[in-house]
Amino acid sequence: MEYNLADLFESVVDVAADREALVYVDHPGTGAERRLTYAELDRAANRIGHHLLDAGIRPGEHLGLHLYNGVEYLQTVLGCLKARIVPVNVNYRYVEEELLYLYRDADLVALVFDAEFTDRVAAALSAAEKLRHLVRVGTPAPGAPALTAVDFAGAETAGSPQRGFPARSGDDQFIIYTGGTTGMPKGVMWRQEDLFFSGLGGGAPTGEPVGKPEELAERVAAGGYGITFFPTPPLMHGTSTLTAFIGFHFGQRVVLHRKFVPEEVLRTIEKEKVTSVSLVGDAMLRPLVDALSGPMKGTDCSSLFSVSSSGAIMSETVRAQFQALVPNALLLNNFGSSESGFNGTATADSGPDRGFRIRVNSRTRVVDPVTLEPVPAGEVGRIAQRGHVPLGYYNDPGKTAETFFEKDGERWVLLGDMATVDEEGVVTVLGRGSQCINTGGEKVYPEEVEQALKAHPDVYDALVAGVPDAMWGNHVAAVVQVRRGAARPSLEDIQAHCRTRLAGYKIPRQLVVTEVVRRSPSGKADYRWAREVAVAADRSAHR
């Protein structure tokens, strides 16, 4: 047995067959749900894996998952892993041009998609030459384009429920496409053994990672942790899928909703006695605060032990509001990426005054991006990680060479995040170098200013971007969504608020109030949009 995700999952099934593995709420509020034990989920995944092999999809070929959250998503991922087919996540918000890019860049030969995406799939399909097998979940709307696709239920029925797959390897791949905040998406190629240790914690909810593959099931058989994991962002983002697999590797229960609806999330926490929720920043935490303070006041969240965020920061202000409502929950700002897995967790004193400070794992360093040597305490460098890191970006040797390197016989990945490190080894993350604003020769990282803005009582959400400026090169612009019922703040109000938290050169020189701050479904910032909005407003003001 190797560190292969399908092998590891099957080893857990063999010692926890009758435990509930997955609870899925189809449309929040309707009461429709599915519950599968580990044995039932295993058989369901076997069926899809065998269907794909019977359809001529070969080990090593790539299958796209163009789906909302659901049993079918995780069932297909597991089926692919069992059959040694490489699963590839597809962002369901993409339109024709973006989909075509991903279909072709990822060399997809098969696609499992939700019926409501039929129009988009059909529009991109004609130019995706390698895509030869489609499986559709659900029934398309009347008038939708006709596609030659196998019905998912039929594929499941036709496939064998038995295992019977060829031997697998820790070298089998898992690809995570990441869009980041700019540019077209990139496919991060992981060996499954590396992903197990970097992105899935090595099978260790506490203590040391497992020392051999067989140890994972031994730990599950030895005792239960009583955890119910609830990844609330879309599974199409790597963090949520990996959270589900962490739950499976512990032999615990995973709860899913089709979409994020804050009131329904709270009802499920109460009903299912959820212990661990994962989300993405204030974009998800703040609606939960609003619901608990309003229509869902009194919801029993006493089972909740932890709320963790990755991909965006839960601000100090919103954390405090949630903590007052759910005092028993531990709120964790985790730091990681599709290229590195998990790097560390923010310290308790992280905030607008001290920055986003994280205690990193032993494999993470802050290095000079040119020499690749560790920087002295207090100097700015880029975060890097060694050891269990990806192989590179699929179909992109240029970006692979820029991001991945070898040093002292080990593989390293150089992340886009700028940071400093102190004498105790605590890393302060400044932000993405690509989003850094150069104003009058000073560097401003948007995340720091956003934290200060979101501490303003009338600000619901905010993004910060640089706008071309004849005097300063760029000036700092704040794109703000005002809290419902609050007064519209003036630029002077915002500046006075920020002066107590930020150096003068970091204070916004422009304020744009928008109805909604645009983010991805998982809460990640859309900085390209923010800059476009701010530049357009600046031009309009100077006509």
Protein backbone atom coordinates (compact mmCIF):
# COMPACT_ATOMS: atom_id res chain seq x y z
CA MET A 1 0.00 0.00 0.00
CA GLU A 2 1.24 3.48 -0.90
CA TYR A 3 0.25 7.05 -0.05
CA ASN A 4 -2.42 7.00 -2.73
CA LEU A 5 -5.66 8.81 -1.92
CA ALA A 6 -7.90 6.01 -3.21
CA ASP A 7 -5.92 3.36 -1.33
CA LEU A 8 -6.10 5.44 1.84
CA PHE A 9 -9.84 6.02 1.48
CA GLU A 10 -10.48 2.30 0.94
CA SER A 11 -8.41 1.43 3.99
CA VAL A 12 -10.64 3.71 6.08
CA VAL A 13 -13.79 2.19 4.55
CA ASP A 14 -12.62 -1.26 5.59
CA VAL A 15 -12.54 -0.28 9.27
CA ALA A 16 -15.45 2.21 9.30
CA ALA A 17 -17.89 0.76 6.77
CA ASP A 18 -21.07 1.49 8.75
CA ARG A 19 -20.13 5.00 9.88
CA GLU A 20 -21.96 7.89 8.23
CA ALA A 21 -19.55 9.46 5.76
CA LEU A 22 -21.53 12.09 3.86
CA VAL A 23 -24.66 14.14 4.51
CA TYR A 24 -25.82 16.25 1.58
CA VAL A 25 -28.57 18.88 1.57
CA ASP A 26 -29.66 19.36 -2.05
CA HIS A 27 -31.61 22.62 -2.02
CA PRO A 28 -31.44 24.34 1.37
CA GLY A 29 -34.90 24.83 2.83
CA THR A 30 -36.54 21.94 0.94
CA GLY A 31 -35.52 19.24 3.38
CA ALA A 32 -34.18 17.07 0.52
CA GLU A 33 -31.05 15.26 1.64
CA ARG A 34 -28.90 12.16 1.09
CA ARG A 35 -26.93 10.20 3.66
CA LEU A 36 -24.24 7.70 2.76
CA THR A 37 -22.15 5.45 4.96
CA TYR A 38 -18.51 4.82 4.11
CA ALA A 39 -19.43 1.51 2.49
CA GLU A 40 -22.19 3.14 0.41
CA LEU A 41 -19.93 5.98 -0.74
CA ASP A 42 -17.22 3.46 -1.62
CA ARG A 43 -19.60 1.43 -3.80
CA ALA A 44 -20.97 4.58 -5.45
CA ALA A 45 -17.42 5.69 -6.32
CA ASN A 46 -16.58 2.22 -7.66
CA ARG A 47 -19.55 2.43 -10.04
CA ILE A 48 -18.42 5.74 -11.53
CA GLY A 49 -14.80 4.62 -11.74
CA HIS A 50 -15.78 1.46 -13.63
CA HIS A 51 -18.13 3.40 -15.92
CA LEU A 52 -15.30 5.72 -16.93
CA LEU A 53 -12.92 2.85 -17.64
CA ASP A 54 -15.65 1.01 -19.59
CA ALA A 55 -16.20 4.21 -21.62
CA GLY A 56 -12.56 4.12 -22.73
CA ILE A 57 -11.09 6.75 -20.38
CA ARG A 58 -7.57 5.58 -19.69
CA PRO A 59 -5.49 5.89 -16.51
CA GLY A 60 -3.59 9.18 -16.54
CA GLU A 61 -6.15 10.99 -18.71
CA HIS A 62 -7.95 14.04 -17.37
CA LEU A 63 -11.61 14.46 -16.38
CA GLY A 64 -13.22 17.80 -15.58
CA LEU A 65 -15.77 18.35 -12.81
CA HIS A 66 -18.11 21.19 -13.85
CA LEU A 67 -20.48 20.83 -10.92
CA TYR A 68 -22.10 22.50 -7.96
CA ASN A 69 -21.53 20.85 -4.58
CA GLY A 70 -23.15 17.45 -4.31
CA VAL A 71 -22.67 13.75 -3.75
CA GLU A 72 -21.83 13.42 -7.45
CA TYR A 73 -18.82 15.71 -7.07
CA LEU A 74 -17.05 13.73 -4.35
CA GLN A 75 -18.27 10.43 -5.79
CA THR A 76 -16.67 11.31 -9.14
CA VAL A 77 -13.42 12.49 -7.58
CA LEU A 78 -13.14 9.21 -5.67
CA GLY A 79 -14.12 7.22 -8.77
CA CYS A 80 -11.39 8.95 -10.77
CA LEU A 81 -8.78 8.29 -8.10
CA LYS A 82 -9.76 4.63 -7.93
CA ALA A 83 -9.44 4.29 -11.73
CA ARG A 84 -6.21 6.39 -11.83
CA ILE A 85 -7.98 9.04 -13.91
CA VAL A 86 -6.88 12.58 -13.00
CA PRO A 87 -9.71 14.78 -11.63
CA VAL A 88 -9.64 18.46 -12.64
CA ASN A 89 -11.82 21.13 -11.00
CA VAL A 90 -13.74 23.53 -13.28
CA ASN A 91 -14.94 26.92 -12.04
CA TYR A 92 -18.70 26.91 -12.71
CA ARG A 93 -18.74 30.71 -13.03
CA TYR A 94 -16.61 30.59 -16.16
CA VAL A 95 -18.18 31.64 -19.43
CA GLU A 96 -17.48 30.22 -22.89
CA GLU A 97 -14.01 31.72 -23.50
CA GLU A 98 -12.71 30.83 -20.04
CA LEU A 99 -14.19 27.32 -20.19
CA LEU A 100 -12.67 26.67 -23.57
CA TYR A 101 -9.28 27.78 -22.28
CA LEU A 102 -9.48 25.42 -19.30
CA TYR A 103 -10.90 22.47 -21.27
CA ARG A 104 -8.03 22.74 -23.75
CA ASP A 105 -5.24 23.72 -21.36
CA ALA A 106 -6.10 20.78 -19.08
CA ASP A 107 -6.40 18.34 -22.01
CA LEU A 108 -9.77 17.15 -20.75
CA VAL A 109 -11.03 13.97 -22.41
CA ALA A 110 -14.12 13.61 -20.20
CA LEU A 111 -16.44 15.98 -18.37
CA VAL A 112 -19.05 15.50 -15.65
CA PHE A 113 -21.34 18.55 -15.57
CA ASP A 114 -24.55 19.81 -14.02
CA ALA A 115 -27.42 20.03 -16.50
CA GLU A 116 -27.94 23.74 -15.87
CA PHE A 117 -24.52 24.38 -17.41
CA THR A 118 -25.53 22.70 -20.69
CA ASP A 119 -25.53 25.97 -22.68
CA ARG A 120 -22.01 26.87 -21.61
CA VAL A 121 -20.65 23.38 -22.13
CA ALA A 122 -22.18 23.21 -25.61
CA ALA A 123 -20.71 26.59 -26.57
CA ALA A 124 -17.18 25.53 -25.61
CA LEU A 125 -17.40 21.93 -26.74
CA SER A 126 -16.97 22.41 -30.48
CA ALA A 127 -13.41 23.70 -30.07
CA ALA A 128 -12.35 21.30 -27.30
CA GLU A 129 -10.99 18.67 -29.64
CA LYS A 130 -9.92 16.08 -27.06
CA LEU A 131 -13.15 16.09 -25.04
CA ARG A 132 -14.87 12.85 -26.07
CA HIS A 133 -17.04 11.67 -23.16
CA LEU A 134 -19.73 13.66 -21.32
CA VAL A 135 -21.71 12.68 -18.23
CA ARG A 136 -24.62 14.94 -17.28
CA VAL A 137 -26.06 15.30 -13.76
CA GLY A 138 -29.77 16.13 -13.83
CA THR A 139 -32.16 17.06 -16.61
CA PRO A 140 -31.46 20.01 -18.93
CA ALA A 141 -34.01 22.80 -19.22
CA PRO A 142 -36.42 22.79 -22.20
CA GLY A 143 -34.72 24.24 -25.25
CA ALA A 144 -31.20 23.54 -24.02
CA PRO A 145 -28.72 22.46 -26.74
CA ALA A 146 -28.71 18.76 -27.52
CA LEU A 147 -25.52 17.09 -26.35
CA THR A 148 -24.43 13.48 -26.60
CA ALA A 149 -24.08 12.86 -22.90
CA VAL A 150 -24.58 9.89 -20.59
CA ASP A 151 -27.01 10.44 -17.74
CA PHE A 152 -25.14 10.25 -14.42
CA ALA A 153 -27.73 7.96 -12.85
CA GLY A 154 -27.42 5.61 -15.83
CA ALA A 155 -23.63 5.65 -15.64
CA GLU A 156 -23.82 4.82 -11.95
CA THR A 157 -26.22 1.93 -12.56
CA ALA A 158 -24.08 0.47 -15.33
CA GLY A 159 -20.80 0.49 -13.41
CA SER A 160 -19.75 -2.34 -11.13
CA PRO A 161 -20.04 -1.66 -7.37
CA GLN A 162 -16.96 -3.82 -6.71
CA ARG A 163 -13.43 -2.50 -6.46
CA GLY A 164 -11.29 -4.57 -8.79
CA PHE A 165 -9.10 -1.70 -10.01
CA PRO A 166 -5.45 -2.03 -11.07
CA ALA A 167 -2.72 -1.26 -8.54
CA ARG A 168 -2.25 2.43 -7.81
CA SER A 169 0.72 4.58 -6.83
CA GLY A 170 1.64 7.55 -4.69
CA ASP A 171 2.89 9.08 -7.95
CA ASP A 172 -0.66 9.23 -9.37
CA GLN A 173 -1.64 12.83 -9.95
CA PHE A 174 -4.27 15.22 -8.65
CA ILE A 175 -4.59 18.55 -10.49
CA ILE A 176 -6.02 21.70 -8.90
CA TYR A 177 -6.76 24.60 -11.24
CA THR A 178 -6.37 27.92 -9.51
CA GLY A 179 -7.50 31.22 -10.96
CA GLY A 180 -5.84 33.41 -8.37
CA THR A 181 -6.72 37.08 -8.64
CA THR A 182 -5.41 37.82 -12.15
CA GLY A 183 -4.86 36.02 -15.44
CA MET A 184 -6.06 32.70 -16.78
CA PRO A 185 -6.17 29.68 -14.43
CA LYS A 186 -3.16 27.45 -13.88
CA GLY A 187 -3.25 23.71 -13.20
CA VAL A 188 -1.18 22.77 -10.14
CA MET A 189 0.10 19.21 -10.55
CA TRP A 190 0.36 17.28 -7.29
CA ARG A 191 1.68 13.80 -6.67
CA GLN A 192 -0.92 12.27 -4.37
CA GLU A 193 1.70 11.41 -1.75
CA ASP A 194 2.84 15.04 -1.64
CA LEU A 195 -0.75 16.29 -1.47
CA PHE A 196 -1.49 13.90 1.41
CA PHE A 197 1.28 15.40 3.53
CA SER A 198 1.07 19.07 2.47
CA GLY A 199 -2.61 19.61 1.78
CA LEU A 200 -4.24 16.93 3.95
CA GLY A 201 -2.15 17.04 7.09
CA GLY A 202 -0.63 13.61 6.67
CA GLY A 203 -3.59 12.00 8.42
CA ALA A 204 -2.93 13.81 11.71
CA PRO A 205 -5.79 15.75 13.34
CA THR A 206 -3.38 16.24 16.23
CA GLY A 207 0.18 15.11 16.79
CA GLU A 208 2.49 13.57 14.20
CA PRO A 209 1.63 12.61 10.60
CA VAL A 210 1.31 8.90 9.95
CA GLY A 211 4.56 7.01 9.49
CA LYS A 212 3.18 4.46 7.02
CA PRO A 213 0.02 4.30 4.87
CA GLU A 214 -1.51 1.49 6.92
CA GLU A 215 -1.36 3.65 10.04
CA LEU A 216 -4.18 5.88 8.81
CA ALA A 217 -6.80 3.12 9.11
CA GLU A 218 -5.23 1.93 12.36
CA ARG A 219 -5.83 5.36 13.88
CA VAL A 220 -9.43 5.43 12.61
CA ALA A 221 -10.10 1.96 14.02
CA ALA A 222 -8.53 2.85 17.37
CA GLY A 223 -10.99 5.60 18.18
CA GLY A 224 -13.29 8.32 16.87
CA TYR A 225 -12.86 12.03 17.15
CA GLY A 226 -16.57 12.83 16.90
CA ILE A 227 -16.00 15.50 14.26
CA THR A 228 -18.49 16.68 11.64
CA PHE A 229 -16.75 18.71 8.93
CA PHE A 230 -18.77 21.29 7.00
CA PRO A 231 -16.89 22.83 4.05
CA THR A 232 -19.21 25.66 2.99
CA PRO A 233 -17.39 27.04 -0.10
CA PRO A 234 -17.77 25.37 -3.52
CA LEU A 235 -15.94 22.07 -3.95
CA MET A 236 -14.60 23.45 -7.23
CA HIS A 237 -12.07 25.33 -5.06
CA GLY A 238 -9.36 23.01 -3.84
CA THR A 239 -9.70 23.93 -0.16
CA SER A 240 -13.22 22.54 0.15
CA THR A 241 -12.45 19.25 -1.60
CA LEU A 242 -9.34 18.81 0.54
CA THR A 243 -11.35 19.55 3.68
CA ALA A 244 -13.78 16.79 2.72
CA PHE A 245 -10.87 14.37 2.23
CA ILE A 246 -9.43 15.31 5.61
CA GLY A 247 -12.79 14.33 7.09
CA PHE A 248 -12.75 11.02 5.23
CA HIS A 249 -9.17 10.27 6.27
CA PHE A 250 -10.16 10.71 9.91
CA GLY A 251 -13.15 8.40 9.40
CA GLN A 252 -15.46 11.27 10.29
CA ARG A 253 -18.61 12.80 8.81
CA VAL A 254 -18.71 15.43 6.05
CA VAL A 255 -21.73 17.71 5.49
CA LEU A 256 -22.38 19.55 2.22
CA HIS A 257 -24.81 22.15 0.90
CA ARG A 258 -25.34 22.73 -2.79
CA LYS A 259 -24.78 26.47 -2.33
CA PHE A 260 -23.89 28.83 0.50
CA VAL A 261 -27.06 30.21 2.12
CA PRO A 262 -26.19 31.58 5.59
CA GLU A 263 -29.53 30.82 7.25
CA GLU A 264 -29.43 27.24 6.00
CA VAL A 265 -25.81 26.82 7.06
CA LEU A 266 -26.83 27.75 10.60
CA ARG A 267 -29.83 25.38 10.54
CA THR A 268 -27.53 22.56 9.47
CA ILE A 269 -24.97 23.37 12.17
CA GLU A 270 -27.75 23.06 14.73
CA LYS A 271 -29.40 19.95 13.25
CA GLU A 272 -26.26 17.95 12.45
CA LYS A 273 -24.26 19.11 15.50
CA VAL A 274 -21.48 20.36 13.22
CA THR A 275 -18.14 20.75 14.98
CA SER A 276 -15.89 22.22 12.27
CA VAL A 277 -16.86 24.77 9.60
CA SER A 278 -14.53 25.97 6.86
CA LEU A 279 -15.22 29.12 4.89
CA VAL A 280 -13.45 31.95 3.08
CA GLY A 281 -13.04 35.22 4.93
CA ASP A 282 -15.53 37.91 5.82
CA ALA A 283 -17.51 37.32 2.64
CA MET A 284 -18.87 34.19 4.32
CA LEU A 285 -18.42 34.93 8.02
CA ARG A 286 -20.18 38.30 7.99
CA PRO A 287 -23.48 36.92 6.54
CA LEU A 288 -23.42 34.30 9.31
CA VAL A 289 -23.01 37.10 11.87
CA ASP A 290 -25.89 39.04 10.31
CA ALA A 291 -28.13 35.95 10.33
CA LEU A 292 -27.28 35.06 13.95
CA SER A 293 -27.94 38.65 14.98
CA GLY A 294 -31.25 38.75 13.10
CA PRO A 295 -33.53 36.07 11.68
CA MET A 296 -31.52 33.14 13.10
CA LYS A 297 -31.00 34.59 16.56
CA GLY A 298 -30.98 31.83 19.15
CA THR A 299 -29.75 29.09 16.78
CA ASP A 300 -27.92 26.47 18.81
CA CYS A 301 -24.29 26.53 17.66
CA SER A 302 -22.92 25.02 20.86
CA SER A 303 -21.51 22.01 18.97
CA LEU A 304 -19.24 24.28 16.92
CA PHE A 305 -15.63 23.87 17.98
CA SER A 306 -13.78 25.62 15.13
CA VAL A 307 -14.37 27.98 12.21
CA SER A 308 -11.42 28.13 9.83
CA SER A 309 -10.76 30.34 6.83
CA SER A 310 -8.27 30.08 4.00
CA GLY A 311 -8.01 32.07 0.80
CA ALA A 312 -9.10 35.28 2.54
CA ILE A 313 -8.76 36.70 6.03
CA MET A 314 -11.52 36.88 8.63
CA SER A 315 -11.01 40.44 9.84
CA GLU A 316 -10.53 41.25 13.50
CA THR A 317 -13.82 43.16 13.64
CA VAL A 318 -15.98 40.40 12.16
CA ARG A 319 -14.20 37.71 14.19
CA ALA A 320 -15.04 39.59 17.37
CA GLN A 321 -18.69 39.91 16.34
CA PHE A 322 -18.97 36.18 15.65
CA GLN A 323 -17.10 35.30 18.84
CA ALA A 324 -19.62 37.29 20.89
CA LEU A 325 -22.43 35.24 19.34
CA VAL A 326 -20.68 31.84 19.45
CA PRO A 327 -18.17 32.10 22.31
CA ASN A 328 -17.29 28.40 22.30
CA ALA A 329 -15.91 28.44 18.72
CA LEU A 330 -12.23 28.83 17.94
CA LEU A 331 -11.69 31.05 14.88
CA LEU A 332 -8.63 30.20 12.79
CA ASN A 333 -7.17 32.20 9.91
CA ASN A 334 -5.18 29.58 8.04
CA PHE A 335 -2.57 30.38 5.42
CA GLY A 336 -1.96 28.19 2.40
CA SER A 337 -2.41 27.94 -1.35
CA SER A 338 -3.07 25.53 -4.19
CA GLU A 339 0.70 25.45 -4.73
CA SER A 340 1.75 24.76 -1.14
CA GLY A 341 -1.13 23.19 0.76
CA PHE A 342 -1.19 24.29 4.40
CA ASN A 343 1.57 26.60 5.67
CA GLY A 344 0.38 27.77 9.06
CA THR A 345 -2.23 29.51 11.22
CA ALA A 346 -2.48 33.15 12.25
CA THR A 347 -1.44 34.12 15.75
CA ALA A 348 -4.01 35.45 18.21
CA ASP A 349 -2.56 38.96 17.97
CA SER A 350 -2.99 39.23 14.19
CA GLY A 351 -4.94 42.30 13.17
CA PRO A 352 -4.77 45.75 11.56
CA ASP A 353 -2.15 46.95 14.04
CA ARG A 354 0.32 44.05 13.80
CA GLY A 355 -0.60 42.51 10.44
CA PHE A 356 -1.45 38.96 9.41
CA ARG A 357 1.07 37.02 11.52
CA ILE A 358 1.37 33.26 11.12
CA ARG A 359 3.29 30.51 12.84
CA VAL A 360 4.47 28.50 9.87
CA ASN A 361 5.36 24.84 9.62
CA SER A 362 8.98 23.70 9.63
CA ARG A 363 9.11 23.51 5.82
CA THR A 364 8.18 27.16 5.19
CA ARG A 365 10.70 30.01 4.82
CA VAL A 366 10.80 33.66 3.74
CA VAL A 367 13.45 33.94 1.03
CA ASP A 368 15.01 36.49 -1.27
CA PRO A 369 13.27 35.92 -4.64
CA VAL A 370 16.57 36.33 -6.53
CA THR A 371 19.11 34.46 -4.42
CA LEU A 372 16.51 32.09 -2.90
CA GLU A 373 18.33 32.40 0.42
CA PRO A 374 16.45 33.09 3.69
CA VAL A 375 16.09 36.83 4.39
CA PRO A 376 17.26 38.36 7.68
CA ALA A 377 14.63 39.20 10.30
CA GLY A 378 12.62 42.26 9.31
CA GLU A 379 13.49 42.23 5.61
CA VAL A 380 10.87 41.65 2.93
CA GLY A 381 10.99 38.43 0.92
CA ARG A 382 8.70 35.85 -0.61
CA ILE A 383 7.22 32.85 1.15
CA ALA A 384 8.60 29.52 -0.03
CA GLN A 385 8.05 25.91 0.97
CA ARG A 386 10.19 22.83 0.54
CA GLY A 387 9.65 19.07 0.51
CA HIS A 388 6.18 17.85 -0.39
CA VAL A 389 5.41 20.44 -3.08
CA PRO A 390 3.77 20.13 -6.51
CA LEU A 391 5.52 18.99 -9.67
CA GLY A 392 4.69 22.27 -11.41
CA TYR A 393 1.98 23.84 -13.55
CA TYR A 394 0.36 21.65 -16.16
CA ASN A 395 1.17 22.68 -19.73
CA ASP A 396 3.15 25.72 -18.57
CA PRO A 397 6.93 25.16 -18.37
CA GLY A 398 7.57 28.92 -18.23
CA LYS A 399 5.52 29.56 -15.09
CA THR A 400 6.79 26.29 -13.62
CA ALA A 401 10.38 27.52 -13.98
CA GLU A 402 9.44 30.84 -12.32
CA THR A 403 7.72 29.21 -9.35
CA PHE A 404 9.35 25.84 -8.64
CA PHE A 405 13.05 25.18 -8.07
CA GLU A 406 15.50 22.72 -6.54
CA LYS A 407 17.87 23.61 -3.74
CA ASP A 408 20.11 21.34 -1.67
CA GLY A 409 18.48 18.27 -3.20
CA GLU A 410 14.92 19.29 -2.32
CA ARG A 411 12.04 20.67 -4.36
CA TRP A 412 10.79 24.13 -3.41
CA VAL A 413 7.83 26.30 -4.43
CA LEU A 414 8.11 30.09 -4.43
CA LEU A 415 4.73 31.64 -3.58
CA GLY A 416 3.52 35.05 -4.71
CA ASP A 417 3.05 36.31 -1.14
CA MET A 418 5.47 38.88 0.22
CA ALA A 419 6.34 38.65 3.92
CA THR A 420 8.78 39.40 6.71
CA VAL A 421 9.92 37.11 9.50
CA ASP A 422 10.84 38.09 13.06
CA GLU A 423 13.49 36.72 15.43
CA GLU A 424 11.02 34.12 16.77
CA GLY A 425 10.22 32.80 13.32
CA VAL A 426 6.73 34.33 13.15
CA VAL A 427 5.93 35.38 9.57
CA THR A 428 3.97 38.56 8.80
CA VAL A 429 2.23 38.20 5.44
CA LEU A 430 2.15 41.51 3.56
CA GLY A 431 0.14 40.37 0.54
CA ARG A 432 0.48 39.26 -3.05
CA GLY A 433 3.39 40.92 -4.78
CA SER A 434 1.32 41.19 -7.96
CA GLN A 435 -1.25 43.37 -6.12
CA CYS A 436 1.29 45.59 -4.36
CA ILE A 437 0.61 49.32 -4.96
CA ASN A 438 3.65 51.55 -5.51
CA THR A 439 2.66 55.05 -4.41
CA GLY A 440 5.40 57.68 -4.30
CA GLY A 441 8.00 54.93 -3.98
CA GLU A 442 6.27 53.35 -0.97
CA LYS A 443 4.76 49.86 -1.16
CA VAL A 444 1.20 49.28 -0.02
CA TYR A 445 -0.32 45.81 0.24
CA PRO A 446 -4.13 45.84 -0.27
CA GLU A 447 -4.92 43.27 2.43
CA GLU A 448 -3.55 45.50 5.19
CA VAL A 449 -5.68 48.48 4.11
CA GLU A 450 -8.74 46.24 3.66
CA GLN A 451 -8.45 45.03 7.25
CA ALA A 452 -8.48 48.63 8.47
CA LEU A 453 -11.42 49.55 6.23
CA LYS A 454 -13.53 46.63 7.44
CA ALA A 455 -13.07 47.77 11.02
CA HIS A 456 -15.17 50.85 10.13
CA PRO A 457 -18.70 50.36 11.55
CA ASP A 458 -20.43 51.34 8.26
CA VAL A 459 -18.27 49.22 5.93
CA TYR A 460 -19.61 45.79 5.03
CA ASP A 461 -16.87 44.75 2.59
CA ALA A 462 -13.93 46.37 0.83
CA LEU A 463 -11.23 45.84 -1.77
CA VAL A 464 -8.24 48.08 -2.40
CA ALA A 465 -6.50 48.77 -5.71
CA GLY A 466 -3.93 51.10 -7.19
CA VAL A 467 -5.06 53.79 -9.64
CA PRO A 468 -2.60 55.63 -11.96
CA ASP A 469 -1.70 59.04 -10.54
CA ALA A 470 0.32 61.79 -12.24
CA MET A 471 2.03 62.82 -8.99
CA TRP A 472 2.44 59.56 -7.05
CA GLY A 473 2.59 56.96 -9.82
CA ASN A 474 -0.42 55.28 -8.23
CA HIS A 475 -2.76 56.25 -5.43
CA VAL A 476 -4.61 53.94 -3.05
CA ALA A 477 -8.30 53.53 -3.91
CA ALA A 478 -10.90 51.87 -1.67
CA VAL A 479 -13.88 50.14 -3.28
CA VAL A 480 -16.42 49.79 -0.49
CA GLN A 481 -19.78 48.09 0.08
CA VAL A 482 -21.73 49.86 2.83
CA ARG A 483 -23.53 47.93 5.53
CA ARG A 484 -27.29 47.76 4.96
CA GLY A 485 -29.04 50.65 6.69
CA ALA A 486 -25.79 52.48 7.41
CA ALA A 487 -24.99 56.00 6.28
CA ARG A 488 -22.78 56.38 3.23
CA PRO A 489 -19.32 57.31 4.56
CA SER A 490 -17.35 60.16 3.01
CA LEU A 491 -13.74 59.92 1.91
CA GLU A 492 -12.85 62.14 4.87
CA ASP A 493 -14.62 59.74 7.26
CA ILE A 494 -12.71 56.78 5.84
CA GLN A 495 -9.39 58.62 5.98
CA ALA A 496 -9.90 59.70 9.59
CA HIS A 497 -10.74 56.11 10.54
CA CYS A 498 -7.69 54.69 8.75
CA ARG A 499 -5.24 57.23 10.21
CA THR A 500 -5.51 55.55 13.61
CA ARG A 501 -4.42 52.22 12.07
CA LEU A 502 -2.20 52.92 9.07
CA ALA A 503 0.80 55.00 8.03
CA GLY A 504 -0.13 58.09 6.05
CA TYR A 505 0.97 56.78 2.64
CA LYS A 506 -1.35 53.75 3.02
CA ILE A 507 -4.51 55.80 3.56
CA PRO A 508 -6.98 55.72 0.62
CA ARG A 509 -6.97 58.85 -1.53
CA GLN A 510 -10.09 57.75 -3.40
CA LEU A 511 -13.35 56.16 -2.25
CA VAL A 512 -15.76 54.32 -4.53
CA VAL A 513 -19.00 53.10 -2.96
CA THR A 514 -20.51 50.18 -4.85
CA GLU A 515 -23.68 48.19 -4.29
CA VAL A 516 -21.78 44.89 -3.99
CA VAL A 517 -18.07 44.13 -3.78
CA ARG A 518 -17.40 41.45 -6.35
CA ARG A 519 -15.83 38.20 -5.15
CA SER A 520 -15.68 34.62 -6.36
CA PRO A 521 -18.26 32.12 -4.99
CA SER A 522 -15.69 31.14 -2.36
CA GLY A 523 -15.08 34.74 -1.25
CA LYS A 524 -11.76 35.37 -3.01
CA ALA A 525 -11.05 38.94 -4.02
CA ASP A 526 -11.55 40.08 -7.63
CA TYR A 527 -8.81 42.70 -7.78
CA ARG A 528 -9.03 43.14 -11.53
CA TRP A 529 -12.67 44.21 -11.14
CA ALA A 530 -11.83 46.51 -8.22
CA ARG A 531 -9.13 48.28 -10.20
CA GLU A 532 -11.42 48.71 -13.23
CA VAL A 533 -14.14 50.22 -11.04
CA ALA A 534 -11.72 52.58 -9.31
CA VAL A 535 -10.02 53.69 -12.55
CA ALA A 536 -13.40 54.35 -14.20
CA ALA A 537 -14.57 56.42 -11.22
CA ASP A 538 -11.32 58.40 -11.20
CA ARG A 539 -11.61 59.21 -14.91
CA SER A 540 -15.23 60.27 -14.47
CA ALA A 541 -14.31 62.58 -11.60
CA HIS A 542 -11.61 64.32 -13.66
CA ARG A 543 -13.55 64.92 -16.85
